[in-house]
Amino acid sequence: MHLTIFQTPVINHLMRWVALLSMRLTGWKVEGMTPQEKKYVLIAAPHTSNWDFPVTLMVCFVMRLRVYWMGKASLFPPVVGGVMRWLGGIAVDRSKANNLVQGTIDAFHANTELTVIVPPEGTRGKVTRWKTGFYYIALGAGVPIALGYLDFSRKVGGIGKMFMPTGDIEADMKEIRAFYKDIKGKNPQFFEAE
């Protein structure tokens, strides 16, 4: 997995100020912790609307996080795709049965610093069961999972806590999902935390 991202200090600083101003104008705030770990999987939940992506990126800019995120291949057309990759995007072709989990684990092993955002629902539509790729990436790479969130009812976003997977996926997923029980997405009817 080839990874490139915005690394220009002047542009990073400018993007942070643009994000701060945009959030202030729209009434959003950032709260929670900034992870000290150099490598982790950041789950972003609930993922219930197209607004989740820009708000999540703004939160990451404000927190000075250098993140990579996974998105469906259709988000990466020829010209716009270059910008999306520059913003940390990794195109995922859902029609192919490629081993994205192992590829991401390998990327964690090959890099000294890496943060990958994975929406546990895998889609912004209604789901009854979370996908487990994020869990197996973190477990296989031996890195923690940062529990990131966007609460549209309070207009706050951030990272609540770090969670280290134990290998007992049933117990771990129950604990992770419990963290999100009071967090409301833009379309709360699409998100079931339990």
Protein backbone atom coordinates (compact mmCIF):
# COMPACT_ATOMS: atom_id res chain seq x y z
CA MET A 1 0.00 0.00 0.00
CA HIS A 2 1.64 3.22 -1.20
CA LEU A 3 0.95 6.11 1.17
CA THR A 4 1.37 9.81 0.43
CA ILE A 5 -0.12 12.67 2.39
CA PHE A 6 0.02 16.42 2.85
CA GLN A 7 3.39 17.09 4.53
CA THR A 8 3.92 20.78 3.81
CA PRO A 9 4.11 22.66 7.17
CA VAL A 10 2.75 25.93 5.73
CA ILE A 11 -0.23 24.17 4.12
CA ASN A 12 -0.85 22.06 7.24
CA HIS A 13 -0.89 25.23 9.35
CA LEU A 14 -3.19 26.98 6.86
CA MET A 15 -5.57 23.98 6.71
CA ARG A 16 -5.74 23.95 10.51
CA TRP A 17 -6.76 27.63 10.59
CA VAL A 18 -9.33 27.10 7.83
CA ALA A 19 -10.74 24.14 9.79
CA LEU A 20 -10.83 26.15 13.04
CA LEU A 21 -12.63 29.03 11.35
CA SER A 22 -15.08 26.73 9.55
CA MET A 23 -15.91 24.90 12.77
CA ARG A 24 -16.37 28.13 14.68
CA LEU A 25 -18.69 29.52 11.99
CA THR A 26 -20.79 26.34 11.98
CA GLY A 27 -20.88 25.99 15.78
CA TRP A 28 -18.72 22.86 16.01
CA LYS A 29 -16.13 22.19 18.74
CA VAL A 30 -13.35 19.67 19.22
CA GLU A 31 -13.05 17.83 22.52
CA GLY A 32 -11.40 14.72 23.92
CA MET A 33 -7.86 13.46 23.82
CA THR A 34 -5.03 13.66 21.30
CA PRO A 35 -3.40 10.22 21.05
CA GLN A 36 0.26 10.05 22.00
CA GLU A 37 0.73 6.74 20.16
CA LYS A 38 2.55 6.95 16.82
CA LYS A 39 0.44 4.19 15.23
CA TYR A 40 -3.25 3.45 15.65
CA VAL A 41 -6.52 2.74 13.88
CA LEU A 42 -9.01 5.59 14.25
CA ILE A 43 -12.62 4.56 13.95
CA ALA A 44 -15.02 7.33 13.07
CA ALA A 45 -18.59 6.72 14.16
CA PRO A 46 -21.39 7.13 13.70
CA HIS A 47 -21.12 7.39 9.91
CA THR A 48 -24.63 8.38 8.82
CA SER A 49 -24.25 11.17 6.23
CA ASN A 50 -22.03 12.75 3.60
CA TRP A 51 -21.27 15.53 6.10
CA ASP A 52 -19.26 13.11 8.27
CA PHE A 53 -16.27 13.22 5.92
CA PRO A 54 -15.62 17.00 5.84
CA VAL A 55 -16.36 17.41 9.55
CA THR A 56 -14.03 14.50 10.42
CA LEU A 57 -11.25 16.01 8.29
CA MET A 58 -11.73 19.38 10.01
CA VAL A 59 -11.52 17.73 13.44
CA CYS A 60 -8.30 15.97 12.35
CA PHE A 61 -6.78 19.23 11.06
CA VAL A 62 -7.67 21.03 14.31
CA MET A 63 -6.15 18.20 16.37
CA ARG A 64 -3.07 18.18 14.08
CA LEU A 65 -3.55 14.52 13.25
CA ARG A 66 -1.97 13.16 10.08
CA VAL A 67 -4.48 10.59 9.01
CA TYR A 68 -5.20 8.29 6.13
CA TRP A 69 -8.78 7.30 5.38
CA MET A 70 -10.44 4.70 3.23
CA GLY A 71 -13.11 5.58 0.72
CA LYS A 72 -14.89 3.88 -2.15
CA ALA A 73 -13.03 4.09 -5.46
CA SER A 74 -15.71 6.31 -7.02
CA LEU A 75 -14.53 9.15 -4.73
CA PHE A 76 -11.21 9.16 -6.62
CA PRO A 77 -11.93 10.26 -10.22
CA PRO A 78 -8.92 11.41 -12.31
CA VAL A 79 -8.48 15.05 -11.19
CA VAL A 80 -10.29 15.06 -7.85
CA GLY A 81 -8.64 11.73 -6.97
CA GLY A 82 -5.24 13.39 -6.73
CA VAL A 83 -6.59 15.90 -4.21
CA MET A 84 -8.35 13.13 -2.28
CA ARG A 85 -5.09 11.15 -2.06
CA TRP A 86 -3.23 14.30 -1.00
CA LEU A 87 -5.78 14.62 1.82
CA GLY A 88 -4.89 11.08 2.95
CA GLY A 89 -7.40 9.09 0.91
CA ILE A 90 -6.92 5.42 0.05
CA ALA A 91 -9.23 4.21 -2.73
CA VAL A 92 -11.01 0.93 -1.97
CA ASP A 93 -12.46 -1.08 -4.83
CA ARG A 94 -15.39 -2.88 -3.20
CA SER A 95 -15.93 -5.08 -6.27
CA LYS A 96 -12.61 -6.87 -5.83
CA ALA A 97 -11.90 -9.43 -3.15
CA ASN A 98 -8.50 -7.98 -2.30
CA ASN A 99 -7.02 -8.34 1.15
CA LEU A 100 -7.30 -4.79 2.40
CA VAL A 101 -6.91 -5.89 6.02
CA GLN A 102 -3.55 -7.57 5.42
CA GLY A 103 -2.37 -4.73 3.19
CA THR A 104 -3.13 -2.22 5.94
CA ILE A 105 -1.42 -4.40 8.57
CA ASP A 106 1.65 -4.51 6.30
CA ALA A 107 1.53 -0.70 5.98
CA PHE A 108 1.53 -0.40 9.79
CA HIS A 109 4.58 -2.67 9.98
CA ALA A 110 6.39 -0.71 7.24
CA ASN A 111 5.85 2.76 8.77
CA THR A 112 7.08 4.27 12.03
CA GLU A 113 4.03 6.54 12.24
CA LEU A 114 0.60 5.77 10.81
CA THR A 115 -3.02 6.60 11.57
CA VAL A 116 -5.75 5.08 9.42
CA ILE A 117 -9.41 6.13 9.74
CA VAL A 118 -11.91 3.33 9.18
CA PRO A 119 -15.70 3.81 9.58
CA PRO A 120 -16.86 0.64 11.36
CA GLU A 121 -20.20 0.67 9.57
CA GLY A 122 -18.49 0.62 6.16
CA THR A 123 -21.27 2.83 4.75
CA ARG A 124 -23.31 5.87 5.70
CA GLY A 125 -26.59 3.96 5.25
CA LYS A 126 -28.41 1.98 7.92
CA VAL A 127 -26.56 -1.08 9.14
CA THR A 128 -27.46 -3.65 11.75
CA ARG A 129 -23.94 -5.01 12.17
CA TRP A 130 -20.55 -3.30 12.14
CA LYS A 131 -17.82 -4.53 9.82
CA THR A 132 -14.84 -5.97 11.68
CA GLY A 133 -11.98 -5.00 9.34
CA PHE A 134 -10.87 -2.14 11.61
CA TYR A 135 -10.65 -4.55 14.54
CA TYR A 136 -8.59 -7.14 12.68
CA ILE A 137 -6.28 -4.44 11.29
CA ALA A 138 -5.55 -3.17 14.82
CA LEU A 139 -5.20 -6.69 16.24
CA GLY A 140 -2.91 -7.87 13.42
CA ALA A 141 -0.75 -4.73 13.57
CA GLY A 142 -0.62 -4.74 17.38
CA VAL A 143 -1.90 -1.16 17.57
CA PRO A 144 -4.71 0.43 19.59
CA ILE A 145 -8.06 1.65 18.28
CA ALA A 146 -8.84 5.33 18.84
CA LEU A 147 -12.56 5.79 19.45
CA GLY A 148 -13.34 8.87 17.39
CA TYR A 149 -16.80 10.36 17.15
CA LEU A 150 -19.00 13.10 15.72
CA ASP A 151 -21.94 14.00 17.93
CA PHE A 152 -24.30 16.10 15.80
CA SER A 153 -26.69 16.68 18.72
CA ARG A 154 -23.98 18.62 20.61
CA LYS A 155 -21.90 19.62 17.53
CA VAL A 156 -18.71 18.17 18.97
CA GLY A 157 -16.15 15.79 17.54
CA GLY A 158 -13.00 14.22 18.90
CA ILE A 159 -11.43 11.10 20.29
CA GLY A 160 -12.86 9.67 23.50
CA LYS A 161 -10.35 7.00 24.40
CA MET A 162 -7.84 4.45 23.15
CA PHE A 163 -8.80 0.78 23.14
CA MET A 164 -6.34 -2.09 22.78
CA PRO A 165 -7.96 -5.18 21.19
CA THR A 166 -7.56 -8.37 23.23
CA GLY A 167 -8.46 -10.92 20.56
CA ASP A 168 -11.84 -11.62 22.16
CA ILE A 169 -13.77 -9.89 19.40
CA GLU A 170 -17.21 -10.44 20.90
CA ALA A 171 -16.32 -8.84 24.25
CA ASP A 172 -14.21 -6.11 22.65
CA MET A 173 -16.88 -5.11 20.12
CA LYS A 174 -19.46 -4.96 22.91
CA GLU A 175 -17.23 -2.56 24.85
CA ILE A 176 -16.41 -0.45 21.79
CA ARG A 177 -20.06 -0.15 20.75
CA ALA A 178 -21.09 0.75 24.31
CA PHE A 179 -18.85 3.82 24.07
CA TYR A 180 -21.06 5.15 21.24
CA LYS A 181 -24.47 4.54 22.87
CA ASP A 182 -25.15 8.23 23.62
CA ILE A 183 -23.52 9.71 20.51
CA LYS A 184 -25.91 10.93 17.81
CA GLY A 185 -25.06 11.02 14.11
CA LYS A 186 -26.62 13.45 11.65
CA ASN A 187 -29.14 10.72 10.76
CA PRO A 188 -29.45 8.82 14.06
CA GLN A 189 -31.96 6.36 12.60
CA PHE A 190 -29.06 4.83 10.59
CA PHE A 191 -26.92 4.08 13.64
CA GLU A 192 -27.43 1.38 16.24
CA ALA A 193 -24.72 1.29 18.91
CA GLU A 194 -25.99 -1.87 20.50
